[in-house]
Amino acid sequence: ASYALRKHYFTLLHHFEQVYFFRHNFPGSRCFQAEGTID
């Protein structure tokens, strides 16, 4: 259940959270930083 909740939250609510919960730190234009590795 824990894994399923995490997966569904990330898919459906993670970006929603960024806008509604963290919007005081959320600029009008957002850049994402990512780190990539070759598996």
PDB file of all heavy atoms in Angstrom:
ATOM      1  N   ALA A   1       0.833  -1.205   0.000  1.00  0.00           N
ATOM      2  CA  ALA A   1       0.000   0.000   0.000  1.00  0.00           C
ATOM      3  C   ALA A   1       0.865   1.251   0.000  1.00  0.00           C
ATOM      4  O   ALA A   1       0.550   2.237  -0.678  1.00  0.00           O
ATOM      5  CB  ALA A   1      -0.935  -0.005   1.207  1.00  0.00           C
ATOM      6  N   SER A   2       1.968   1.228   0.763  1.00  0.00           N
ATOM      7  CA  SER A   2       2.843   2.400   0.840  1.00  0.00           C
ATOM      8  C   SER A   2       3.415   2.732  -0.532  1.00  0.00           C
ATOM      9  O   SER A   2       3.452   3.894  -0.946  1.00  0.00           O
ATOM     10  CB  SER A   2       3.983   2.146   1.830  1.00  0.00           C
ATOM     11  OG  SER A   2       3.483   1.886   3.111  1.00  0.00           O
ATOM     12  N   TYR A   3       3.858   1.710  -1.247  1.00  0.00           N
ATOM     13  CA  TYR A   3       4.422   1.915  -2.585  1.00  0.00           C
ATOM     14  C   TYR A   3       3.355   2.451  -3.538  1.00  0.00           C
ATOM     15  O   TYR A   3       3.609   3.367  -4.327  1.00  0.00           O
ATOM     16  CB  TYR A   3       4.991   0.610  -3.118  1.00  0.00           C
ATOM     17  CG  TYR A   3       5.483   0.696  -4.536  1.00  0.00           C
ATOM     18  CD1 TYR A   3       6.718   1.274  -4.837  1.00  0.00           C
ATOM     19  CD2 TYR A   3       4.715   0.217  -5.586  1.00  0.00           C
ATOM     20  CE1 TYR A   3       7.173   1.367  -6.148  1.00  0.00           C
ATOM     21  CE2 TYR A   3       5.161   0.309  -6.899  1.00  0.00           C
ATOM     22  CZ  TYR A   3       6.385   0.882  -7.161  1.00  0.00           C
ATOM     23  OH  TYR A   3       6.824   0.963  -8.460  1.00  0.00           O
ATOM     24  N   ALA A   4       2.139   1.898  -3.452  1.00  0.00           N
ATOM     25  CA  ALA A   4       1.051   2.336  -4.332  1.00  0.00           C
ATOM     26  C   ALA A   4       0.685   3.795  -4.063  1.00  0.00           C
ATOM     27  O   ALA A   4       0.463   4.572  -4.999  1.00  0.00           O
ATOM     28  CB  ALA A   4      -0.166   1.439  -4.142  1.00  0.00           C
ATOM     29  N   LEU A   5       0.627   4.192  -2.784  1.00  0.00           N
ATOM     30  CA  LEU A   5       0.300   5.577  -2.448  1.00  0.00           C
ATOM     31  C   LEU A   5       1.359   6.525  -2.986  1.00  0.00           C
ATOM     32  O   LEU A   5       1.042   7.586  -3.537  1.00  0.00           O
ATOM     33  CB  LEU A   5       0.180   5.741  -0.929  1.00  0.00           C
ATOM     34  CG  LEU A   5      -1.036   5.106  -0.267  1.00  0.00           C
ATOM     35  CD1 LEU A   5      -0.997   5.338   1.240  1.00  0.00           C
ATOM     36  CD2 LEU A   5      -2.338   5.654  -0.848  1.00  0.00           C
ATOM     37  N   ARG A   6       2.603   6.151  -2.820  1.00  0.00           N
ATOM     38  CA  ARG A   6       3.695   6.997  -3.321  1.00  0.00           C
ATOM     39  C   ARG A   6       3.597   7.157  -4.834  1.00  0.00           C
ATOM     40  O   ARG A   6       3.727   8.263  -5.362  1.00  0.00           O
ATOM     41  CB  ARG A   6       5.047   6.393  -2.947  1.00  0.00           C
ATOM     42  CG  ARG A   6       6.235   7.109  -3.573  1.00  0.00           C
ATOM     43  CD  ARG A   6       7.538   6.493  -3.125  1.00  0.00           C
ATOM     44  NE  ARG A   6       8.658   7.026  -3.884  1.00  0.00           N
ATOM     45  CZ  ARG A   6       9.935   6.768  -3.620  1.00  0.00           C
ATOM     46  NH1 ARG A   6      10.250   5.997  -2.595  1.00  0.00           N
ATOM     47  NH2 ARG A   6      10.892   7.282  -4.358  1.00  0.00           N
ATOM     48  N   LYS A   7       3.340   6.064  -5.542  1.00  0.00           N
ATOM     49  CA  LYS A   7       3.249   6.111  -7.003  1.00  0.00           C
ATOM     50  C   LYS A   7       2.088   6.986  -7.457  1.00  0.00           C
ATOM     51  O   LYS A   7       2.241   7.843  -8.337  1.00  0.00           O
ATOM     52  CB  LYS A   7       3.074   4.694  -7.554  1.00  0.00           C
ATOM     53  CG  LYS A   7       2.969   4.620  -9.067  1.00  0.00           C
ATOM     54  CD  LYS A   7       2.733   3.203  -9.535  1.00  0.00           C
ATOM     55  CE  LYS A   7       1.338   2.740  -9.194  1.00  0.00           C
ATOM     56  NZ  LYS A   7       0.993   1.429  -9.786  1.00  0.00           N
ATOM     57  N   HIS A   8       0.915   6.793  -6.843  1.00  0.00           N
ATOM     58  CA  HIS A   8      -0.264   7.566  -7.250  1.00  0.00           C
ATOM     59  C   HIS A   8      -0.111   9.041  -6.882  1.00  0.00           C
ATOM     60  O   HIS A   8      -0.560   9.917  -7.624  1.00  0.00           O
ATOM     61  CB  HIS A   8      -1.519   6.979  -6.604  1.00  0.00           C
ATOM     62  CG  HIS A   8      -1.879   5.625  -7.117  1.00  0.00           C
ATOM     63  ND1 HIS A   8      -1.894   5.302  -8.463  1.00  0.00           N
ATOM     64  CD2 HIS A   8      -2.244   4.483  -6.457  1.00  0.00           C
ATOM     65  CE1 HIS A   8      -2.254   4.047  -8.619  1.00  0.00           C
ATOM     66  NE2 HIS A   8      -2.462   3.530  -7.428  1.00  0.00           N
ATOM     67  N   TYR A   9       0.509   9.306  -5.738  1.00  0.00           N
ATOM     68  CA  TYR A   9       0.706  10.702  -5.345  1.00  0.00           C
ATOM     69  C   TYR A   9       1.628  11.401  -6.346  1.00  0.00           C
ATOM     70  O   TYR A   9       1.348  12.524  -6.772  1.00  0.00           O
ATOM     71  CB  TYR A   9       1.305  10.797  -3.942  1.00  0.00           C
ATOM     72  CG  TYR A   9       1.262  12.198  -3.370  1.00  0.00           C
ATOM     73  CD1 TYR A   9       0.219  12.587  -2.523  1.00  0.00           C
ATOM     74  CD2 TYR A   9       2.230  13.147  -3.684  1.00  0.00           C
ATOM     75  CE1 TYR A   9       0.151  13.888  -2.013  1.00  0.00           C
ATOM     76  CE2 TYR A   9       2.172  14.444  -3.175  1.00  0.00           C
ATOM     77  CZ  TYR A   9       1.137  14.806  -2.349  1.00  0.00           C
ATOM     78  OH  TYR A   9       1.073  16.081  -1.847  1.00  0.00           O
ATOM     79  N   PHE A  10       2.702  10.736  -6.716  1.00  0.00           N
ATOM     80  CA  PHE A  10       3.646  11.354  -7.655  1.00  0.00           C
ATOM     81  C   PHE A  10       2.978  11.617  -9.001  1.00  0.00           C
ATOM     82  O   PHE A  10       3.185  12.659  -9.620  1.00  0.00           O
ATOM     83  CB  PHE A  10       4.870  10.462  -7.846  1.00  0.00           C
ATOM     84  CG  PHE A  10       5.889  11.066  -8.765  1.00  0.00           C
ATOM     85  CD1 PHE A  10       6.754  12.051  -8.321  1.00  0.00           C
ATOM     86  CD2 PHE A  10       5.973  10.673 -10.093  1.00  0.00           C
ATOM     87  CE1 PHE A  10       7.687  12.631  -9.178  1.00  0.00           C
ATOM     88  CE2 PHE A  10       6.896  11.239 -10.952  1.00  0.00           C
ATOM     89  CZ  PHE A  10       7.758  12.221 -10.485  1.00  0.00           C
ATOM     90  N   THR A  11       2.153  10.673  -9.448  1.00  0.00           N
ATOM     91  CA  THR A  11       1.499  10.815 -10.755  1.00  0.00           C
ATOM     92  C   THR A  11       0.411  11.881 -10.753  1.00  0.00           C
ATOM     93  O   THR A  11       0.320  12.684 -11.681  1.00  0.00           O
ATOM     94  CB  THR A  11       0.876   9.471 -11.176  1.00  0.00           C
ATOM     95  OG1 THR A  11       1.896   8.464 -11.207  1.00  0.00           O
ATOM     96  CG2 THR A  11       0.231   9.574 -12.557  1.00  0.00           C
ATOM     97  N   LEU A  12      -0.409  11.912  -9.703  1.00  0.00           N
ATOM     98  CA  LEU A  12      -1.597  12.759  -9.708  1.00  0.00           C
ATOM     99  C   LEU A  12      -1.485  14.036  -8.885  1.00  0.00           C
ATOM    100  O   LEU A  12      -2.188  15.015  -9.160  1.00  0.00           O
ATOM    101  CB  LEU A  12      -2.800  11.950  -9.189  1.00  0.00           C
ATOM    102  CG  LEU A  12      -3.189  10.724 -10.021  1.00  0.00           C
ATOM    103  CD1 LEU A  12      -4.198   9.880  -9.262  1.00  0.00           C
ATOM    104  CD2 LEU A  12      -3.743  11.135 -11.375  1.00  0.00           C
ATOM    105  N   LEU A  13      -0.621  14.040  -7.862  1.00  0.00           N
ATOM    106  CA  LEU A  13      -0.647  15.152  -6.911  1.00  0.00           C
ATOM    107  C   LEU A  13       0.668  15.889  -6.724  1.00  0.00           C
ATOM    108  O   LEU A  13       0.680  16.975  -6.122  1.00  0.00           O
ATOM    109  CB  LEU A  13      -1.118  14.637  -5.536  1.00  0.00           C
ATOM    110  CG  LEU A  13      -2.533  14.071  -5.477  1.00  0.00           C
ATOM    111  CD1 LEU A  13      -2.779  13.403  -4.132  1.00  0.00           C
ATOM    112  CD2 LEU A  13      -3.553  15.170  -5.720  1.00  0.00           C
ATOM    113  N   HIS A  14       1.767  15.333  -7.205  1.00  0.00           N
ATOM    114  CA  HIS A  14       3.067  15.949  -6.927  1.00  0.00           C
ATOM    115  C   HIS A  14       3.160  17.361  -7.502  1.00  0.00           C
ATOM    116  O   HIS A  14       3.525  18.318  -6.802  1.00  0.00           O
ATOM    117  CB  HIS A  14       4.191  15.075  -7.468  1.00  0.00           C
ATOM    118  CG  HIS A  14       5.549  15.551  -7.056  1.00  0.00           C
ATOM    119  ND1 HIS A  14       6.653  15.476  -7.877  1.00  0.00           N
ATOM    120  CD2 HIS A  14       5.986  16.124  -5.910  1.00  0.00           C
ATOM    121  CE1 HIS A  14       7.700  15.974  -7.243  1.00  0.00           C
ATOM    122  NE2 HIS A  14       7.323  16.371  -6.052  1.00  0.00           N
ATOM    123  N   HIS A  15       2.832  17.536  -8.772  1.00  0.00           N
ATOM    124  CA  HIS A  15       2.904  18.864  -9.386  1.00  0.00           C
ATOM    125  C   HIS A  15       1.794  19.775  -8.855  1.00  0.00           C
ATOM    126  O   HIS A  15       1.985  20.989  -8.722  1.00  0.00           O
ATOM    127  CB  HIS A  15       2.830  18.750 -10.902  1.00  0.00           C
ATOM    128  CG  HIS A  15       4.006  18.028 -11.494  1.00  0.00           C
ATOM    129  ND1 HIS A  15       5.298  18.436 -11.289  1.00  0.00           N
ATOM    130  CD2 HIS A  15       4.085  16.911 -12.267  1.00  0.00           C
ATOM    131  CE1 HIS A  15       6.124  17.608 -11.914  1.00  0.00           C
ATOM    132  NE2 HIS A  15       5.413  16.681 -12.504  1.00  0.00           N
ATOM    133  N   PHE A  16       0.653  19.171  -8.560  1.00  0.00           N
ATOM    134  CA  PHE A  16      -0.442  19.921  -7.935  1.00  0.00           C
ATOM    135  C   PHE A  16       0.022  20.491  -6.596  1.00  0.00           C
ATOM    136  O   PHE A  16      -0.252  21.651  -6.270  1.00  0.00           O
ATOM    137  CB  PHE A  16      -1.634  18.979  -7.737  1.00  0.00           C
ATOM    138  CG  PHE A  16      -2.839  19.623  -7.119  1.00  0.00           C
ATOM    139  CD1 PHE A  16      -3.747  20.334  -7.888  1.00  0.00           C
ATOM    140  CD2 PHE A  16      -3.087  19.497  -5.756  1.00  0.00           C
ATOM    141  CE1 PHE A  16      -4.876  20.918  -7.315  1.00  0.00           C
ATOM    142  CE2 PHE A  16      -4.202  20.081  -5.175  1.00  0.00           C
ATOM    143  CZ  PHE A  16      -5.106  20.786  -5.957  1.00  0.00           C
ATOM    144  N   GLU A  17       0.744  19.697  -5.840  1.00  0.00           N
ATOM    145  CA  GLU A  17       1.307  20.130  -4.560  1.00  0.00           C
ATOM    146  C   GLU A  17       2.254  21.310  -4.734  1.00  0.00           C
ATOM    147  O   GLU A  17       2.260  22.254  -3.938  1.00  0.00           O
ATOM    148  CB  GLU A  17       2.045  18.950  -3.915  1.00  0.00           C
ATOM    149  CG  GLU A  17       2.915  19.296  -2.724  1.00  0.00           C
ATOM    150  CD  GLU A  17       3.907  18.199  -2.403  1.00  0.00           C
ATOM    151  OE1 GLU A  17       3.500  17.182  -1.806  1.00  0.00           O
ATOM    152  OE2 GLU A  17       5.109  18.346  -2.769  1.00  0.00           O
ATOM    153  N   GLN A  18       3.068  21.267  -5.796  1.00  0.00           N
ATOM    154  CA  GLN A  18       4.026  22.337  -6.031  1.00  0.00           C
ATOM    155  C   GLN A  18       3.324  23.691  -6.233  1.00  0.00           C
ATOM    156  O   GLN A  18       3.825  24.729  -5.804  1.00  0.00           O
ATOM    157  CB  GLN A  18       4.887  22.019  -7.265  1.00  0.00           C
ATOM    158  CG  GLN A  18       5.724  20.762  -7.147  1.00  0.00           C
ATOM    159  CD  GLN A  18       6.733  20.860  -6.030  1.00  0.00           C
ATOM    160  OE1 GLN A  18       7.450  21.860  -5.920  1.00  0.00           O
ATOM    161  NE2 GLN A  18       6.806  19.841  -5.196  1.00  0.00           N
ATOM    162  N   VAL A  19       2.157  23.644  -6.873  1.00  0.00           N
ATOM    163  CA  VAL A  19       1.421  24.875  -7.152  1.00  0.00           C
ATOM    164  C   VAL A  19       0.609  25.335  -5.944  1.00  0.00           C
ATOM    165  O   VAL A  19       0.631  26.506  -5.571  1.00  0.00           O
ATOM    166  CB  VAL A  19       0.486  24.678  -8.371  1.00  0.00           C
ATOM    167  CG1 VAL A  19      -0.416  25.900  -8.572  1.00  0.00           C
ATOM    168  CG2 VAL A  19       1.302  24.414  -9.625  1.00  0.00           C
ATOM    169  N   TYR A  20      -0.109  24.404  -5.328  1.00  0.00           N
ATOM    170  CA  TYR A  20      -1.053  24.786  -4.271  1.00  0.00           C
ATOM    171  C   TYR A  20      -0.423  24.837  -2.876  1.00  0.00           C
ATOM    172  O   TYR A  20      -0.831  25.654  -2.050  1.00  0.00           O
ATOM    173  CB  TYR A  20      -2.245  23.827  -4.270  1.00  0.00           C
ATOM    174  CG  TYR A  20      -3.256  24.158  -5.331  1.00  0.00           C
ATOM    175  CD1 TYR A  20      -3.071  23.726  -6.643  1.00  0.00           C
ATOM    176  CD2 TYR A  20      -4.387  24.926  -5.050  1.00  0.00           C
ATOM    177  CE1 TYR A  20      -3.992  24.032  -7.639  1.00  0.00           C
ATOM    178  CE2 TYR A  20      -5.308  25.240  -6.040  1.00  0.00           C
ATOM    179  CZ  TYR A  20      -5.104  24.793  -7.331  1.00  0.00           C
ATOM    180  OH  TYR A  20      -6.012  25.118  -8.316  1.00  0.00           O
ATOM    181  N   PHE A  21       0.540  23.945  -2.602  1.00  0.00           N
ATOM    182  CA  PHE A  21       1.130  23.905  -1.269  1.00  0.00           C
ATOM    183  C   PHE A  21       2.391  24.755  -1.170  1.00  0.00           C
ATOM    184  O   PHE A  21       2.615  25.462  -0.199  1.00  0.00           O
ATOM    185  CB  PHE A  21       1.437  22.460  -0.882  1.00  0.00           C
ATOM    186  CG  PHE A  21       1.998  22.297   0.512  1.00  0.00           C
ATOM    187  CD1 PHE A  21       1.308  22.768   1.616  1.00  0.00           C
ATOM    188  CD2 PHE A  21       3.216  21.665   0.710  1.00  0.00           C
ATOM    189  CE1 PHE A  21       1.812  22.617   2.902  1.00  0.00           C
ATOM    190  CE2 PHE A  21       3.726  21.506   1.988  1.00  0.00           C
ATOM    191  CZ  PHE A  21       3.026  21.979   3.092  1.00  0.00           C
ATOM    192  N   PHE A  22       3.218  24.701  -2.211  1.00  0.00           N
ATOM    193  CA  PHE A  22       4.485  25.435  -2.187  1.00  0.00           C
ATOM    194  C   PHE A  22       4.447  26.701  -3.030  1.00  0.00           C
ATOM    195  O   PHE A  22       5.493  27.232  -3.388  1.00  0.00           O
ATOM    196  CB  PHE A  22       5.624  24.547  -2.698  1.00  0.00           C
ATOM    197  CG  PHE A  22       5.992  23.431  -1.764  1.00  0.00           C
ATOM    198  CD1 PHE A  22       5.775  22.117  -2.135  1.00  0.00           C
ATOM    199  CD2 PHE A  22       6.563  23.696  -0.536  1.00  0.00           C
ATOM    200  CE1 PHE A  22       6.124  21.076  -1.275  1.00  0.00           C
ATOM    201  CE2 PHE A  22       6.916  22.669   0.322  1.00  0.00           C
ATOM    202  CZ  PHE A  22       6.693  21.350  -0.047  1.00  0.00           C
ATOM    203  N   ARG A  23       3.284  27.193  -3.377  1.00  0.00           N
ATOM    204  CA  ARG A  23       3.222  28.288  -4.350  1.00  0.00           C
ATOM    205  C   ARG A  23       3.921  29.556  -3.874  1.00  0.00           C
ATOM    206  O   ARG A  23       4.274  30.399  -4.692  1.00  0.00           O
ATOM    207  CB  ARG A  23       1.780  28.612  -4.715  1.00  0.00           C
ATOM    208  CG  ARG A  23       0.900  29.070  -3.584  1.00  0.00           C
ATOM    209  CD  ARG A  23      -0.472  29.411  -4.119  1.00  0.00           C
ATOM    210  NE  ARG A  23      -1.358  29.833  -3.045  1.00  0.00           N
ATOM    211  CZ  ARG A  23      -2.535  30.373  -3.268  1.00  0.00           C
ATOM    212  NH1 ARG A  23      -2.934  30.574  -4.514  1.00  0.00           N
ATOM    213  NH2 ARG A  23      -3.300  30.737  -2.260  1.00  0.00           N
ATOM    214  N   HIS A  24       4.115  29.693  -2.565  1.00  0.00           N
ATOM    215  CA  HIS A  24       4.838  30.872  -2.097  1.00  0.00           C
ATOM    216  C   HIS A  24       6.303  30.825  -2.517  1.00  0.00           C
ATOM    217  O   HIS A  24       6.991  31.843  -2.515  1.00  0.00           O
ATOM    218  CB  HIS A  24       4.757  30.982  -0.570  1.00  0.00           C
ATOM    219  CG  HIS A  24       5.213  29.766   0.158  1.00  0.00           C
ATOM    220  ND1 HIS A  24       4.421  28.659   0.315  1.00  0.00           N
ATOM    221  CD2 HIS A  24       6.387  29.486   0.765  1.00  0.00           C
ATOM    222  CE1 HIS A  24       5.075  27.740   1.001  1.00  0.00           C
ATOM    223  NE2 HIS A  24       6.268  28.201   1.283  1.00  0.00           N
ATOM    224  N   ASN A  25       6.770  29.620  -2.890  1.00  0.00           N
ATOM    225  CA  ASN A  25       8.135  29.465  -3.393  1.00  0.00           C
ATOM    226  C   ASN A  25       8.142  29.062  -4.859  1.00  0.00           C
ATOM    227  O   ASN A  25       9.167  28.657  -5.393  1.00  0.00           O
ATOM    228  CB  ASN A  25       8.879  28.388  -2.586  1.00  0.00           C
ATOM    229  CG  ASN A  25       9.141  28.831  -1.165  1.00  0.00           C
ATOM    230  OD1 ASN A  25       9.392  29.993  -0.927  1.00  0.00           O
ATOM    231  ND2 ASN A  25       9.053  27.900  -0.236  1.00  0.00           N
ATOM    232  N   PHE A  26       6.974  29.132  -5.494  1.00  0.00           N
ATOM    233  CA  PHE A  26       6.839  28.624  -6.855  1.00  0.00           C
ATOM    234  C   PHE A  26       6.797  29.773  -7.844  1.00  0.00           C
ATOM    235  O   PHE A  26       5.813  30.505  -7.921  1.00  0.00           O
ATOM    236  CB  PHE A  26       5.546  27.811  -6.966  1.00  0.00           C
ATOM    237  CG  PHE A  26       5.508  26.927  -8.172  1.00  0.00           C
ATOM    238  CD1 PHE A  26       6.107  25.684  -8.157  1.00  0.00           C
ATOM    239  CD2 PHE A  26       4.860  27.337  -9.327  1.00  0.00           C
ATOM    240  CE1 PHE A  26       6.047  24.859  -9.269  1.00  0.00           C
ATOM    241  CE2 PHE A  26       4.814  26.521 -10.435  1.00  0.00           C
ATOM    242  CZ  PHE A  26       5.404  25.271 -10.402  1.00  0.00           C
ATOM    243  N   PRO A  27       7.851  30.001  -8.594  1.00  0.00           N
ATOM    244  CA  PRO A  27       7.897  31.128  -9.527  1.00  0.00           C
ATOM    245  C   PRO A  27       7.018  30.904 -10.739  1.00  0.00           C
ATOM    246  O   PRO A  27       6.600  29.797 -11.014  1.00  0.00           O
ATOM    247  CB  PRO A  27       9.379  31.183  -9.928  1.00  0.00           C
ATOM    248  CG  PRO A  27       9.838  29.770  -9.788  1.00  0.00           C
ATOM    249  CD  PRO A  27       9.087  29.203  -8.612  1.00  0.00           C
ATOM    250  N   GLY A  28       6.769  31.996 -11.466  1.00  0.00           N
ATOM    251  CA  GLY A  28       5.932  31.874 -12.643  1.00  0.00           C
ATOM    252  C   GLY A  28       6.548  31.022 -13.719  1.00  0.00           C
ATOM    253  O   GLY A  28       5.859  30.438 -14.525  1.00  0.00           O
ATOM    254  N   SER A  29       7.843  30.962 -13.733  1.00  0.00           N
ATOM    255  CA  SER A  29       8.525  30.097 -14.694  1.00  0.00           C
ATOM    256  C   SER A  29       9.467  29.188 -13.926  1.00  0.00           C
ATOM    257  O   SER A  29      10.346  29.655 -13.211  1.00  0.00           O
ATOM    258  CB  SER A  29       9.326  30.949 -15.690  1.00  0.00           C
ATOM    259  OG  SER A  29      10.022  30.133 -16.596  1.00  0.00           O
ATOM    260  N   ARG A  30       9.253  27.883 -14.053  1.00  0.00           N
ATOM    261  CA  ARG A  30       9.977  26.922 -13.218  1.00  0.00           C
ATOM    262  C   ARG A  30      10.916  26.083 -14.064  1.00  0.00           C
ATOM    263  O   ARG A  30      10.555  25.574 -15.114  1.00  0.00           O
ATOM    264  CB  ARG A  30       8.983  26.002 -12.500  1.00  0.00           C
ATOM    265  CG  ARG A  30       9.645  24.971 -11.588  1.00  0.00           C
ATOM    266  CD  ARG A  30       8.555  24.137 -10.917  1.00  0.00           C
ATOM    267  NE  ARG A  30       9.111  23.052 -10.130  1.00  0.00           N
ATOM    268  CZ  ARG A  30       9.456  23.151  -8.865  1.00  0.00           C
ATOM    269  NH1 ARG A  30       9.341  24.301  -8.253  1.00  0.00           N
ATOM    270  NH2 ARG A  30       9.925  22.114  -8.212  1.00  0.00           N
ATOM    271  N   CYS A  31      12.136  25.921 -13.598  1.00  0.00           N
ATOM    272  CA  CYS A  31      13.104  25.051 -14.262  1.00  0.00           C
ATOM    273  C   CYS A  31      13.374  23.860 -13.361  1.00  0.00           C
ATOM    274  O   CYS A  31      13.554  24.019 -12.153  1.00  0.00           O
ATOM    275  CB  CYS A  31      14.418  25.787 -14.543  1.00  0.00           C
ATOM    276  SG  CYS A  31      14.238  27.146 -15.710  1.00  0.00           S
ATOM    277  N   PHE A  32      13.411  22.668 -13.946  1.00  0.00           N
ATOM    278  CA  PHE A  32      13.665  21.466 -13.184  1.00  0.00           C
ATOM    279  C   PHE A  32      15.110  21.037 -13.380  1.00  0.00           C
ATOM    280  O   PHE A  32      15.621  21.027 -14.494  1.00  0.00           O
ATOM    281  CB  PHE A  32      12.734  20.335 -13.640  1.00  0.00           C
ATOM    282  CG  PHE A  32      11.293  20.568 -13.312  1.00  0.00           C
ATOM    283  CD1 PHE A  32      10.438  21.115 -14.253  1.00  0.00           C
ATOM    284  CD2 PHE A  32      10.794  20.259 -12.058  1.00  0.00           C
ATOM    285  CE1 PHE A  32       9.105  21.336 -13.950  1.00  0.00           C
ATOM    286  CE2 PHE A  32       9.453  20.476 -11.754  1.00  0.00           C
ATOM    287  CZ  PHE A  32       8.620  21.014 -12.699  1.00  0.00           C
ATOM    288  N   GLN A  33      15.744  20.673 -12.278  1.00  0.00           N
ATOM    289  CA  GLN A  33      17.085  20.135 -12.351  1.00  0.00           C
ATOM    290  C   GLN A  33      16.992  18.626 -12.222  1.00  0.00           C
ATOM    291  O   GLN A  33      16.275  18.109 -11.372  1.00  0.00           O
ATOM    292  CB  GLN A  33      17.968  20.706 -11.228  1.00  0.00           C
ATOM    293  CG  GLN A  33      18.278  22.176 -11.409  1.00  0.00           C
ATOM    294  CD  GLN A  33      19.252  22.686 -10.363  1.00  0.00           C
ATOM    295  OE1 GLN A  33      19.456  22.041  -9.347  1.00  0.00           O
ATOM    296  NE2 GLN A  33      19.839  23.820 -10.619  1.00  0.00           N
ATOM    297  N   ALA A  34      17.732  17.928 -13.053  1.00  0.00           N
ATOM    298  CA  ALA A  34      17.678  16.469 -13.040  1.00  0.00           C
ATOM    299  C   ALA A  34      19.083  15.901 -13.200  1.00  0.00           C
ATOM    300  O   ALA A  34      19.944  16.522 -13.820  1.00  0.00           O
ATOM    301  CB  ALA A  34      16.768  15.965 -14.160  1.00  0.00           C
ATOM    302  N   GLU A  35      19.275  14.735 -12.597  1.00  0.00           N
ATOM    303  CA  GLU A  35      20.544  14.028 -12.729  1.00  0.00           C
ATOM    304  C   GLU A  35      20.280  12.712 -13.432  1.00  0.00           C
ATOM    305  O   GLU A  35      19.366  11.974 -13.063  1.00  0.00           O
ATOM    306  CB  GLU A  35      21.151  13.758 -11.340  1.00  0.00           C
ATOM    307  CG  GLU A  35      21.519  15.023 -10.575  1.00  0.00           C
ATOM    308  CD  GLU A  35      22.066  14.706  -9.195  1.00  0.00           C
ATOM    309  OE1 GLU A  35      22.231  13.511  -8.891  1.00  0.00           O
ATOM    310  OE2 GLU A  35      22.329  15.655  -8.440  1.00  0.00           O
ATOM    311  N   GLY A  36      21.071  12.414 -14.461  1.00  0.00           N
ATOM    312  CA  GLY A  36      20.856  11.187 -15.224  1.00  0.00           C
ATOM    313  C   GLY A  36      22.031  10.240 -15.155  1.00  0.00           C
ATOM    314  O   GLY A  36      23.186  10.666 -15.036  1.00  0.00           O
ATOM    315  N   THR A  37      21.749   8.951 -15.190  1.00  0.00           N
ATOM    316  CA  THR A  37      22.796   7.925 -15.212  1.00  0.00           C
ATOM    317  C   THR A  37      22.452   6.894 -16.269  1.00  0.00           C
ATOM    318  O   THR A  37      21.266   6.639 -16.544  1.00  0.00           O
ATOM    319  CB  THR A  37      22.939   7.228 -13.849  1.00  0.00           C
ATOM    320  OG1 THR A  37      21.677   6.652 -13.482  1.00  0.00           O
ATOM    321  CG2 THR A  37      23.375   8.193 -12.771  1.00  0.00           C
ATOM    322  N   ILE A  38      23.477   6.302 -16.862  1.00  0.00           N
ATOM    323  CA  ILE A  38      23.286   5.229 -17.841  1.00  0.00           C
ATOM    324  C   ILE A  38      23.324   3.903 -17.094  1.00  0.00           C
ATOM    325  O   ILE A  38      24.321   3.554 -16.468  1.00  0.00           O
ATOM    326  CB  ILE A  38      24.381   5.280 -18.913  1.00  0.00           C
ATOM    327  CG1 ILE A  38      24.256   6.579 -19.724  1.00  0.00           C
ATOM    328  CG2 ILE A  38      24.276   4.061 -19.837  1.00  0.00           C
ATOM    329  CD1 ILE A  38      25.370   6.773 -20.744  1.00  0.00           C
ATOM    330  N   ASP A  39      22.212   3.141 -17.157  1.00  0.00           N
ATOM    331  CA  ASP A  39      22.127   1.867 -16.446  1.00  0.00           C
ATOM    332  C   ASP A  39      22.677   0.717 -17.283  1.00  0.00           C
ATOM    333  O   ASP A  39      23.260  -0.228 -16.738  1.00  0.00           O
ATOM    334  CB  ASP A  39      20.670   1.567 -16.076  1.00  0.00           C
ATOM    335  CG  ASP A  39      20.096   2.628 -15.146  1.00  0.00           C
ATOM    336  OD1 ASP A  39      20.844   3.142 -14.297  1.00  0.00           O
ATOM    337  OD2 ASP A  39      18.894   2.936 -15.276  1.00  0.00           O
TER     338      ASP A  39
END
